[in-house]
Amino acid sequence: MGKVDLNAKIPNNVGLADDRRLCRALEHWLPLYMEWWNDMGPAGFQTKDIYLRTAISVEAGGWANFDYVKMPDYRWGIFLSPLDQDRKIGFGDHFGKPAWQDIPGEYRGNLRRIIVTQADTEPASVEQQRFLGSIAPSLYDMRNLFQVNVEEGRHLWAMVYLLFRYFGRDGRDEAEELLSRRSGDEDKPRILNAFNQACDHWLSFFCFTHFTDRDGKYQLASLSESGFDPMARTCDFMLTEEAHHLFVGETGLDRIIRRSAELTKETDGDPRSAGGIDLELIQRAINYWFTYSLDLFGSEISSNASNFFSEGLKGRFKEEQRYEDHIMKDGVKPLSLVKNGAVVQEEIPYRNAMNEVLREEYINDCERALRKWNRTLEKVGVDFRVKLPSRRFHRHQGLYADYIFDPEGNLITEEEFKANERNWLLGPDDNDYLSSIMHQVIEPGKMANWIAPPSRGINGQDLEFEYVRL
């Protein structure tokens, strides 16, 4: 266990060669996966050579190798971070006990639910982004899109391995269901609502990779604390790849904001006259994707979240480094609730607020990125500033889903919301305009007019490098 077998039909470092039954089961799933990938993966580019990074080992500094690869030939492997024989459970009622290498029977149901929910997000995002290559603003961005897509596919493999290895026939059935659901399908949608939203232009793609994939960072980080060691090691390695997705989103939005600010100055406040994106539209896209991403953390008060923590299945973000009390049996947390038509503060048991604890870490991280984007606006010399809406605005899950708030977090009527929706949220008119200006740019080094070039290329290459061979 631990050595990377790169020559196996399914590259892995989990010793598949020593477990023939598991290996055969996964090899049976492989053609089902490839059928899904060919049907729902990036449309029109499966035979093209893409300059991709692939895993060659799991140790720091050695887990990525760059070369031209056709996406169906990508190394769809199963990679776990190195095993720590002395690892202890870091939180909850089992704090300080040895981490589990097998699932305690009483926790199988909760772990299966956690794994399936996380696994379902991976193919969903590939489906949402399927047609973006045809309107990519540059070969640099096209390659980054495909890198995100193949890594989401590999993350599905990481979760499916856990289902096959630890849940028997039930796990195999769940794995097949993961390939039968479809993003946005009316009859069989993906589990979480954000993964059923249309992502059919690059402003939404960059918002998705910044805001929605950033939720993934915090979910994976909390699961990397798990007392179930195989899941912790799986998520720990996934985080090394997830960092690139966040980079794509954060820098992509920064480049759009920079170019929009430049065009705002050049056109006396009318960037659309030059085929650009107005800053107000960018704010509406931020509002839209940020609020759908907030829903992914679950309800602010949750007995499930309390159970996951107490059972040692899902910790807090950077549990060991950031917290002193790892049991939190008697703590409380203040939350804003709606009572009698007003927002009031109440204290609730801390364990029941674990979703909100994680959501607050996420919001702080998003605020950091907005400060960076606003420095870009300041440098270009425009007065506009982007901001995050209230966590109560445009929510479909949790305490605020049954109420209507404005972006500042004030309770309003449905009529007030409808009258202002076009000013607050990305809408059909916005999407139509964005689709009208986005056309594929394939000359190496060239960029669409609505986005600024990146500050550097990939893996030391210059911007004129042929990142996708067309």
Protein backbone atom coordinates (compact mmCIF):
# COMPACT_ATOMS: atom_id res chain seq x y z
CA MET A 1 0.00 0.00 0.00
CA GLY A 2 1.35 3.40 -0.94
CA LYS A 3 3.53 2.76 -4.01
CA VAL A 4 2.09 4.29 -7.18
CA ASP A 5 1.38 1.75 -9.91
CA LEU A 6 1.27 3.87 -13.06
CA ASN A 7 1.11 0.94 -15.48
CA ALA A 8 -2.06 -0.65 -14.15
CA LYS A 9 -5.31 -0.39 -16.11
CA ILE A 10 -6.45 1.83 -13.25
CA PRO A 11 -3.35 3.70 -11.96
CA ASN A 12 -3.38 3.71 -8.16
CA ASN A 13 -1.43 3.67 -4.92
CA VAL A 14 -3.98 1.62 -2.97
CA GLY A 15 -2.70 -1.85 -3.90
CA LEU A 16 -5.42 -2.80 -6.37
CA ALA A 17 -3.20 -5.56 -7.80
CA ASP A 18 -3.44 -7.34 -4.43
CA ASP A 19 -7.26 -7.24 -4.32
CA ARG A 20 -8.44 -8.95 -7.49
CA ARG A 21 -12.12 -8.80 -6.57
CA LEU A 22 -12.02 -5.04 -6.06
CA CYS A 23 -9.86 -4.59 -9.13
CA ARG A 24 -12.31 -6.52 -11.32
CA ALA A 25 -15.24 -4.52 -9.94
CA LEU A 26 -13.54 -1.20 -10.75
CA GLU A 27 -12.46 -2.46 -14.18
CA HIS A 28 -16.13 -3.27 -14.85
CA TRP A 29 -17.04 0.31 -13.86
CA LEU A 30 -14.31 1.80 -16.08
CA PRO A 31 -16.16 1.41 -19.44
CA LEU A 32 -19.32 2.82 -17.85
CA TYR A 33 -17.31 5.82 -16.75
CA MET A 34 -15.72 6.23 -20.19
CA GLU A 35 -19.17 6.07 -21.80
CA TRP A 36 -20.29 8.88 -19.49
CA TRP A 37 -17.12 10.89 -20.19
CA ASN A 38 -17.48 10.58 -23.96
CA ASP A 39 -21.16 11.53 -23.75
CA MET A 40 -20.94 14.32 -21.16
CA GLY A 41 -17.30 15.47 -21.09
CA PRO A 42 -15.93 18.44 -23.09
CA ALA A 43 -17.74 18.42 -26.42
CA GLY A 44 -15.62 18.44 -29.57
CA PHE A 45 -12.16 18.07 -28.03
CA GLN A 46 -11.78 14.41 -27.08
CA THR A 47 -9.25 13.69 -29.86
CA LYS A 48 -7.14 16.83 -29.27
CA ASP A 49 -3.77 16.95 -27.54
CA ILE A 50 -4.06 19.06 -24.36
CA TYR A 51 -1.11 20.25 -22.28
CA LEU A 52 -2.26 18.66 -19.02
CA ARG A 53 -0.71 17.86 -15.69
CA THR A 54 -1.21 14.32 -14.47
CA ALA A 55 -0.34 12.60 -11.20
CA ILE A 56 2.84 10.52 -11.15
CA SER A 57 3.24 10.27 -7.35
CA VAL A 58 1.56 11.59 -4.21
CA GLU A 59 4.56 13.09 -2.43
CA ALA A 60 4.92 16.86 -2.22
CA GLY A 61 6.60 18.24 -5.32
CA GLY A 62 6.30 15.02 -7.26
CA TRP A 63 2.61 14.47 -7.89
CA ALA A 64 2.28 16.34 -11.19
CA ASN A 65 3.76 15.87 -14.64
CA PHE A 66 3.03 18.11 -17.66
CA ASP A 67 2.68 16.72 -21.17
CA TYR A 68 0.30 16.58 -24.12
CA VAL A 69 -2.51 14.12 -23.39
CA LYS A 70 -5.81 13.30 -25.09
CA MET A 71 -8.45 13.66 -22.39
CA PRO A 72 -9.85 10.09 -22.69
CA ASP A 73 -6.27 8.87 -22.05
CA TYR A 74 -5.88 10.93 -18.89
CA ARG A 75 -4.62 9.03 -15.83
CA TRP A 76 -7.99 8.43 -14.13
CA GLY A 77 -6.28 7.04 -11.07
CA ILE A 78 -6.95 6.44 -7.40
CA PHE A 79 -4.43 8.32 -5.28
CA LEU A 80 -4.35 8.72 -1.52
CA SER A 81 -1.90 10.80 0.49
CA PRO A 82 0.78 8.74 2.28
CA LEU A 83 -0.35 6.67 5.27
CA ASP A 84 0.49 7.88 8.79
CA GLN A 85 0.44 4.77 11.00
CA ASP A 86 0.23 6.86 14.17
CA ARG A 87 -2.58 9.17 13.11
CA LYS A 88 -5.21 9.90 15.77
CA ILE A 89 -8.79 11.14 15.50
CA GLY A 90 -8.59 14.88 15.97
CA PHE A 91 -12.07 15.89 17.17
CA GLY A 92 -15.44 14.77 18.50
CA ASP A 93 -16.35 12.05 20.97
CA HIS A 94 -13.51 9.78 19.75
CA PHE A 95 -10.84 12.48 20.08
CA GLY A 96 -7.36 11.04 20.60
CA LYS A 97 -8.21 7.46 19.57
CA PRO A 98 -6.44 5.78 16.63
CA ALA A 99 -7.89 6.70 13.23
CA TRP A 100 -10.05 4.00 11.66
CA GLN A 101 -8.82 2.01 8.66
CA ASP A 102 -12.26 0.39 8.36
CA ILE A 103 -15.66 1.96 8.91
CA PRO A 104 -17.29 1.45 12.31
CA GLY A 105 -20.58 -0.31 11.61
CA GLU A 106 -22.73 2.29 13.35
CA TYR A 107 -21.35 5.06 11.10
CA ARG A 108 -21.71 3.35 7.72
CA GLY A 109 -24.94 5.14 6.83
CA ASN A 110 -23.61 8.62 7.57
CA LEU A 111 -20.32 7.99 5.77
CA ARG A 112 -22.06 6.64 2.72
CA ARG A 113 -24.25 9.73 2.60
CA ILE A 114 -21.23 12.04 2.90
CA ILE A 115 -19.27 10.23 0.18
CA VAL A 116 -22.17 10.03 -2.29
CA THR A 117 -23.01 13.72 -1.89
CA GLN A 118 -19.38 14.75 -2.44
CA ALA A 119 -18.98 12.31 -5.33
CA ASP A 120 -22.08 13.62 -7.11
CA THR A 121 -20.59 17.11 -7.41
CA GLU A 122 -17.60 15.92 -9.45
CA PRO A 123 -19.30 14.72 -12.65
CA ALA A 124 -21.96 17.42 -12.28
CA SER A 125 -19.49 20.25 -12.85
CA VAL A 126 -18.08 18.52 -15.94
CA GLU A 127 -21.61 18.33 -17.33
CA GLN A 128 -22.26 22.00 -16.56
CA GLN A 129 -19.12 23.07 -18.42
CA ARG A 130 -19.39 20.70 -21.37
CA PHE A 131 -19.70 23.28 -24.17
CA LEU A 132 -17.41 26.03 -22.89
CA GLY A 133 -14.45 24.97 -25.03
CA SER A 134 -16.28 26.13 -28.15
CA ILE A 135 -16.33 29.73 -26.85
CA ALA A 136 -12.99 29.78 -24.98
CA PRO A 137 -11.35 33.24 -24.92
CA SER A 138 -7.84 31.80 -25.47
CA LEU A 139 -5.92 28.53 -25.72
CA TYR A 140 -4.59 29.26 -22.22
CA ASP A 141 -8.12 29.38 -20.82
CA MET A 142 -9.28 26.41 -22.89
CA ARG A 143 -6.48 24.30 -21.45
CA ASN A 144 -7.35 25.41 -17.89
CA LEU A 145 -10.97 24.43 -18.47
CA PHE A 146 -9.94 20.96 -19.59
CA GLN A 147 -7.52 20.60 -16.66
CA VAL A 148 -10.38 21.34 -14.28
CA ASN A 149 -12.63 18.87 -16.11
CA VAL A 150 -10.23 15.91 -16.05
CA GLU A 151 -9.40 16.49 -12.40
CA GLU A 152 -13.08 16.54 -11.48
CA GLY A 153 -13.33 13.23 -13.32
CA ARG A 154 -10.41 11.85 -11.30
CA HIS A 155 -12.02 13.10 -8.10
CA LEU A 156 -15.07 11.04 -9.00
CA TRP A 157 -12.77 8.01 -9.19
CA ALA A 158 -11.40 8.84 -5.75
CA MET A 159 -14.88 8.80 -4.20
CA VAL A 160 -16.02 5.76 -6.20
CA TYR A 161 -13.04 3.79 -4.90
CA LEU A 162 -14.29 4.38 -1.35
CA LEU A 163 -17.78 3.22 -2.32
CA PHE A 164 -16.50 0.03 -3.97
CA ARG A 165 -13.89 -0.75 -1.33
CA TYR A 166 -15.95 -0.17 1.81
CA PHE A 167 -19.65 -0.48 0.92
CA GLY A 168 -19.92 -3.64 -1.17
CA ARG A 169 -22.96 -4.01 -3.43
CA ASP A 170 -24.57 -0.87 -2.01
CA GLY A 171 -21.45 1.07 -2.99
CA ARG A 172 -21.45 -0.36 -6.51
CA ASP A 173 -25.10 0.60 -6.94
CA GLU A 174 -24.35 4.14 -5.76
CA ALA A 175 -21.42 4.36 -8.19
CA GLU A 176 -23.67 3.48 -11.12
CA GLU A 177 -26.24 6.04 -9.98
CA LEU A 178 -23.52 8.69 -10.06
CA LEU A 179 -23.26 8.12 -13.81
CA SER A 180 -27.00 8.13 -14.41
CA ARG A 181 -27.87 11.52 -12.86
CA ARG A 182 -27.41 14.62 -15.03
CA SER A 183 -26.90 18.27 -14.17
CA GLY A 184 -30.17 20.17 -14.68
CA ASP A 185 -32.17 17.11 -15.69
CA GLU A 186 -35.82 17.48 -14.67
CA ASP A 187 -36.29 13.79 -13.91
CA LYS A 188 -32.88 12.88 -12.46
CA PRO A 189 -30.95 16.01 -11.44
CA ARG A 190 -27.78 16.20 -9.43
CA ILE A 191 -28.19 16.09 -5.66
CA LEU A 192 -27.20 19.69 -4.85
CA ASN A 193 -28.95 22.63 -6.48
CA ALA A 194 -25.87 24.65 -7.41
CA PHE A 195 -24.80 21.78 -9.64
CA ASN A 196 -28.02 21.98 -11.64
CA GLN A 197 -27.56 25.64 -12.62
CA ALA A 198 -26.55 26.52 -16.17
CA CYS A 199 -22.87 27.40 -16.61
CA ASP A 200 -22.91 28.25 -20.29
CA HIS A 201 -20.50 31.19 -20.58
CA TRP A 202 -17.10 32.05 -19.15
CA LEU A 203 -18.20 34.62 -16.59
CA SER A 204 -20.25 31.88 -14.93
CA PHE A 205 -17.35 29.43 -15.32
CA PHE A 206 -14.96 31.72 -13.48
CA CYS A 207 -17.59 32.43 -10.81
CA PHE A 208 -18.23 28.70 -10.49
CA THR A 209 -14.55 27.80 -10.12
CA HIS A 210 -14.06 30.62 -7.64
CA PHE A 211 -17.19 30.34 -5.49
CA THR A 212 -18.56 26.81 -5.98
CA ASP A 213 -15.23 25.01 -6.19
CA ARG A 214 -14.18 27.01 -3.14
CA ASP A 215 -17.03 25.33 -1.26
CA GLY A 216 -15.39 22.10 -2.44
CA LYS A 217 -12.12 23.22 -0.84
CA TYR A 218 -13.80 23.64 2.54
CA GLN A 219 -15.83 20.43 2.30
CA LEU A 220 -12.74 18.42 1.32
CA ALA A 221 -10.65 20.08 4.02
CA SER A 222 -13.20 19.19 6.69
CA LEU A 223 -13.34 15.61 5.40
CA SER A 224 -9.55 15.42 5.33
CA GLU A 225 -9.81 15.71 9.15
CA SER A 226 -12.03 12.60 9.29
CA GLY A 227 -11.38 9.78 11.70
CA PHE A 228 -12.00 7.40 8.77
CA ASP A 229 -8.43 7.47 7.50
CA PRO A 230 -8.95 6.34 3.86
CA MET A 231 -11.39 9.20 3.31
CA ALA A 232 -9.08 11.68 5.04
CA ARG A 233 -6.15 10.63 2.83
CA THR A 234 -8.31 10.67 -0.31
CA CYS A 235 -9.55 14.21 0.34
CA ASP A 236 -6.11 15.41 1.34
CA PHE A 237 -4.74 14.49 -2.08
CA MET A 238 -7.79 15.91 -3.86
CA LEU A 239 -7.05 19.27 -2.23
CA THR A 240 -3.70 19.49 -4.03
CA GLU A 241 -5.59 19.40 -7.34
CA GLU A 242 -8.51 21.54 -6.17
CA ALA A 243 -6.13 24.46 -5.57
CA HIS A 244 -5.71 24.87 -9.34
CA HIS A 245 -9.48 25.15 -9.83
CA LEU A 246 -9.60 28.01 -7.34
CA PHE A 247 -6.65 29.68 -9.04
CA VAL A 248 -8.49 29.50 -12.38
CA GLY A 249 -11.59 31.13 -10.91
CA GLU A 250 -9.92 33.83 -8.83
CA THR A 251 -7.46 34.94 -11.53
CA GLY A 252 -10.08 34.58 -14.27
CA LEU A 253 -12.46 36.95 -12.50
CA ASP A 254 -9.59 39.32 -11.76
CA ARG A 255 -8.72 39.40 -15.47
CA ILE A 256 -12.33 40.10 -16.49
CA ILE A 257 -12.63 42.83 -13.85
CA ARG A 258 -9.38 44.41 -15.00
CA ARG A 259 -10.42 44.42 -18.65
CA SER A 260 -13.92 45.67 -17.83
CA ALA A 261 -12.44 48.52 -15.81
CA GLU A 262 -10.09 49.42 -18.69
CA LEU A 263 -12.96 49.40 -21.19
CA THR A 264 -15.11 51.44 -18.79
CA LYS A 265 -12.49 54.19 -18.88
CA GLU A 266 -11.87 53.90 -22.62
CA THR A 267 -15.58 54.12 -23.53
CA ASP A 268 -16.76 56.74 -21.02
CA GLY A 269 -18.59 54.15 -18.95
CA ASP A 270 -20.02 51.92 -21.71
CA PRO A 271 -17.81 48.80 -22.02
CA ARG A 272 -20.56 46.98 -23.93
CA SER A 273 -19.99 49.35 -26.85
CA ALA A 274 -16.55 47.70 -27.19
CA GLY A 275 -17.80 44.16 -26.63
CA GLY A 276 -16.85 44.21 -22.96
CA ILE A 277 -18.63 43.27 -19.74
CA ASP A 278 -19.97 46.04 -17.53
CA LEU A 279 -18.99 45.91 -13.88
CA GLU A 280 -22.62 45.87 -12.71
CA LEU A 281 -23.14 42.63 -14.64
CA ILE A 282 -20.09 41.12 -12.93
CA GLN A 283 -21.60 42.07 -9.56
CA ARG A 284 -24.84 40.31 -10.48
CA ALA A 285 -22.88 37.18 -11.41
CA ILE A 286 -21.03 37.31 -8.08
CA ASN A 287 -24.37 37.60 -6.23
CA TYR A 288 -25.80 34.66 -8.16
CA TRP A 289 -23.00 32.13 -7.75
CA PHE A 290 -21.94 33.16 -4.25
CA THR A 291 -25.45 32.66 -2.86
CA TYR A 292 -25.99 29.30 -4.57
CA SER A 293 -22.61 28.24 -3.18
CA LEU A 294 -23.60 29.27 0.35
CA ASP A 295 -26.45 26.75 0.15
CA LEU A 296 -23.93 23.93 -0.34
CA PHE A 297 -22.87 24.11 3.30
CA GLY A 298 -26.34 23.03 4.47
CA SER A 299 -28.64 24.45 7.10
CA GLU A 300 -27.27 26.83 9.73
CA ILE A 301 -28.72 24.58 12.45
CA SER A 302 -28.16 20.91 11.68
CA SER A 303 -28.39 17.75 13.76
CA ASN A 304 -26.62 15.91 10.93
CA ALA A 305 -23.64 18.26 11.13
CA SER A 306 -23.59 17.76 14.90
CA ASN A 307 -23.57 13.99 14.46
CA PHE A 308 -20.83 14.10 11.80
CA PHE A 309 -18.62 16.06 14.20
CA SER A 310 -19.36 14.07 17.34
CA GLU A 311 -18.81 10.78 15.46
CA GLY A 312 -15.44 11.93 14.16
CA LEU A 313 -16.50 11.87 10.51
CA LYS A 314 -16.22 15.53 9.51
CA GLY A 315 -14.19 18.15 11.32
CA ARG A 316 -13.73 21.88 11.05
CA PHE A 317 -11.41 23.63 8.60
CA LYS A 318 -7.82 23.09 9.81
CA GLU A 319 -9.12 21.59 13.03
CA GLU A 320 -5.76 21.01 14.69
CA GLN A 321 -4.16 24.37 13.84
CA ARG A 322 -7.11 26.71 14.46
CA TYR A 323 -8.89 25.30 17.51
CA GLU A 324 -8.01 24.41 21.08
CA ASP A 325 -11.22 22.66 22.13
CA HIS A 326 -11.66 19.71 19.76
CA ILE A 327 -14.71 18.27 21.52
CA MET A 328 -16.99 21.33 21.89
CA LYS A 329 -19.62 19.45 23.86
CA ASP A 330 -20.87 22.45 25.84
CA GLY A 331 -20.10 25.42 23.59
CA VAL A 332 -22.67 27.75 22.03
CA LYS A 333 -22.67 29.92 18.91
CA PRO A 334 -24.74 33.05 18.19
CA LEU A 335 -26.83 32.90 15.01
CA SER A 336 -29.17 35.34 13.29
CA LEU A 337 -32.70 33.95 13.15
CA VAL A 338 -35.99 35.34 11.86
CA LYS A 339 -38.66 35.66 14.54
CA ASN A 340 -41.89 37.64 14.39
CA GLY A 341 -40.82 39.39 11.22
CA ALA A 342 -37.44 40.54 12.51
CA VAL A 343 -33.85 39.25 12.47
CA VAL A 344 -32.70 38.46 16.01
CA GLN A 345 -29.60 36.88 17.56
CA GLU A 346 -29.88 33.63 19.51
CA GLU A 347 -27.34 31.22 20.92
CA ILE A 348 -27.55 27.60 19.83
CA PRO A 349 -25.46 24.53 20.76
CA TYR A 350 -22.12 24.85 18.96
CA ARG A 351 -22.13 21.36 17.49
CA ASN A 352 -25.46 22.07 15.82
CA ALA A 353 -23.84 25.07 14.10
CA MET A 354 -20.95 23.22 12.46
CA ASN A 355 -22.21 24.03 8.97
CA GLU A 356 -22.22 27.73 9.84
CA VAL A 357 -18.72 27.52 11.31
CA LEU A 358 -17.46 26.15 7.99
CA ARG A 359 -19.53 28.65 6.00
CA GLU A 360 -17.94 31.54 7.91
CA GLU A 361 -14.45 30.30 7.02
CA TYR A 362 -15.57 30.21 3.39
CA ILE A 363 -17.04 33.72 3.47
CA ASN A 364 -13.81 35.12 4.95
CA ASP A 365 -11.85 33.50 2.12
CA CYS A 366 -14.21 34.97 -0.47
CA GLU A 367 -13.84 38.41 1.13
CA ARG A 368 -10.06 38.13 0.72
CA ALA A 369 -10.47 37.61 -3.03
CA LEU A 370 -12.81 40.60 -3.31
CA ARG A 371 -10.23 42.81 -1.64
CA LYS A 372 -7.78 41.72 -4.35
CA TRP A 373 -10.26 42.45 -7.16
CA ASN A 374 -11.04 45.86 -5.66
CA ARG A 375 -7.32 46.70 -5.61
CA THR A 376 -7.36 45.92 -9.34
CA LEU A 377 -10.24 48.36 -9.83
CA GLU A 378 -8.40 50.97 -7.81
CA LYS A 379 -5.20 50.56 -9.86
CA VAL A 380 -7.09 50.95 -13.13
CA GLY A 381 -8.73 54.08 -11.74
CA VAL A 382 -12.46 53.41 -11.63
CA ASP A 383 -14.69 54.11 -8.62
CA PHE A 384 -16.77 50.92 -8.81
CA ARG A 385 -16.16 48.24 -6.14
CA VAL A 386 -17.47 44.68 -6.02
CA LYS A 387 -18.88 43.23 -2.80
CA LEU A 388 -20.41 40.09 -1.39
CA PRO A 389 -24.14 40.13 -0.67
CA SER A 390 -25.47 39.17 2.75
CA ARG A 391 -25.42 35.47 3.55
CA ARG A 392 -29.21 35.78 3.95
CA PHE A 393 -29.79 36.95 0.36
CA HIS A 394 -31.15 34.59 -2.35
CA ARG A 395 -30.96 31.43 -0.25
CA HIS A 396 -32.66 28.16 -1.10
CA GLN A 397 -31.42 26.06 1.83
CA GLY A 398 -31.27 26.68 5.56
CA LEU A 399 -32.81 29.19 7.96
CA TYR A 400 -33.30 31.94 5.39
CA ALA A 401 -34.81 29.91 2.54
CA ASP A 402 -38.39 30.70 3.60
CA TYR A 403 -37.81 34.46 3.73
CA ILE A 404 -36.87 37.13 1.21
CA PHE A 405 -33.93 39.48 1.81
CA ASP A 406 -32.21 42.19 -0.18
CA PRO A 407 -28.41 42.01 -0.80
CA GLU A 408 -27.81 43.94 2.44
CA GLY A 409 -29.67 41.30 4.43
CA ASN A 410 -32.87 43.24 5.13
CA LEU A 411 -36.22 41.47 5.07
CA ILE A 412 -38.31 42.56 2.07
CA THR A 413 -41.50 41.52 0.31
CA GLU A 414 -41.72 39.27 -2.72
CA GLU A 415 -42.89 42.27 -4.75
CA GLU A 416 -39.80 44.25 -3.79
CA PHE A 417 -37.59 41.33 -4.76
CA LYS A 418 -39.23 40.88 -8.16
CA ALA A 419 -38.95 44.60 -8.86
CA ASN A 420 -35.20 44.51 -8.22
CA GLU A 421 -34.22 40.99 -9.30
CA ARG A 422 -32.77 42.13 -12.65
CA ASN A 423 -30.49 44.56 -10.79
CA TRP A 424 -29.36 42.00 -8.22
CA LEU A 425 -28.93 38.65 -10.00
CA LEU A 426 -27.57 37.28 -13.23
CA GLY A 427 -30.58 36.85 -15.52
CA PRO A 428 -31.62 35.75 -19.02
CA ASP A 429 -30.81 39.14 -20.61
CA ASP A 430 -27.33 39.04 -19.07
CA ASN A 431 -26.75 35.50 -20.27
CA ASP A 432 -27.90 36.38 -23.78
CA TYR A 433 -25.50 39.31 -23.94
CA LEU A 434 -22.58 37.28 -22.59
CA SER A 435 -23.24 34.52 -25.10
CA SER A 436 -23.29 37.10 -27.91
CA ILE A 437 -19.76 38.40 -27.14
CA MET A 438 -18.06 35.08 -26.43
CA HIS A 439 -16.40 33.53 -29.45
CA GLN A 440 -13.59 31.01 -29.58
CA VAL A 441 -10.07 32.49 -29.85
CA ILE A 442 -7.51 29.87 -30.91
CA GLU A 443 -4.46 31.82 -32.08
CA PRO A 444 -1.68 31.15 -29.51
CA GLY A 445 -1.14 34.15 -27.25
CA LYS A 446 -4.31 35.98 -28.33
CA MET A 447 -7.18 36.86 -25.97
CA ALA A 448 -10.83 37.81 -26.44
CA ASN A 449 -11.39 41.54 -25.99
CA TRP A 450 -13.51 41.11 -22.84
CA ILE A 451 -10.71 39.55 -20.73
CA ALA A 452 -7.18 40.67 -19.88
CA PRO A 453 -4.23 38.31 -20.44
CA PRO A 454 -2.85 36.39 -17.45
CA SER A 455 0.38 37.53 -15.81
CA ARG A 456 2.22 34.33 -16.76
CA GLY A 457 1.83 31.05 -18.61
CA ILE A 458 1.55 27.50 -17.32
CA ASN A 459 4.49 25.48 -16.00
CA GLY A 460 7.01 28.08 -17.14
CA GLN A 461 5.65 28.27 -20.69
CA ASP A 462 4.99 31.65 -22.28
CA LEU A 463 1.52 32.84 -23.29
CA GLU A 464 2.22 32.07 -26.97
CA PHE A 465 2.66 28.37 -26.16
CA GLU A 466 0.25 26.02 -27.95
CA TYR A 467 -1.63 24.79 -24.88
CA VAL A 468 -4.19 22.95 -27.03
CA ARG A 469 -3.23 21.46 -30.37
CA LEU A 470 -6.14 22.07 -32.71
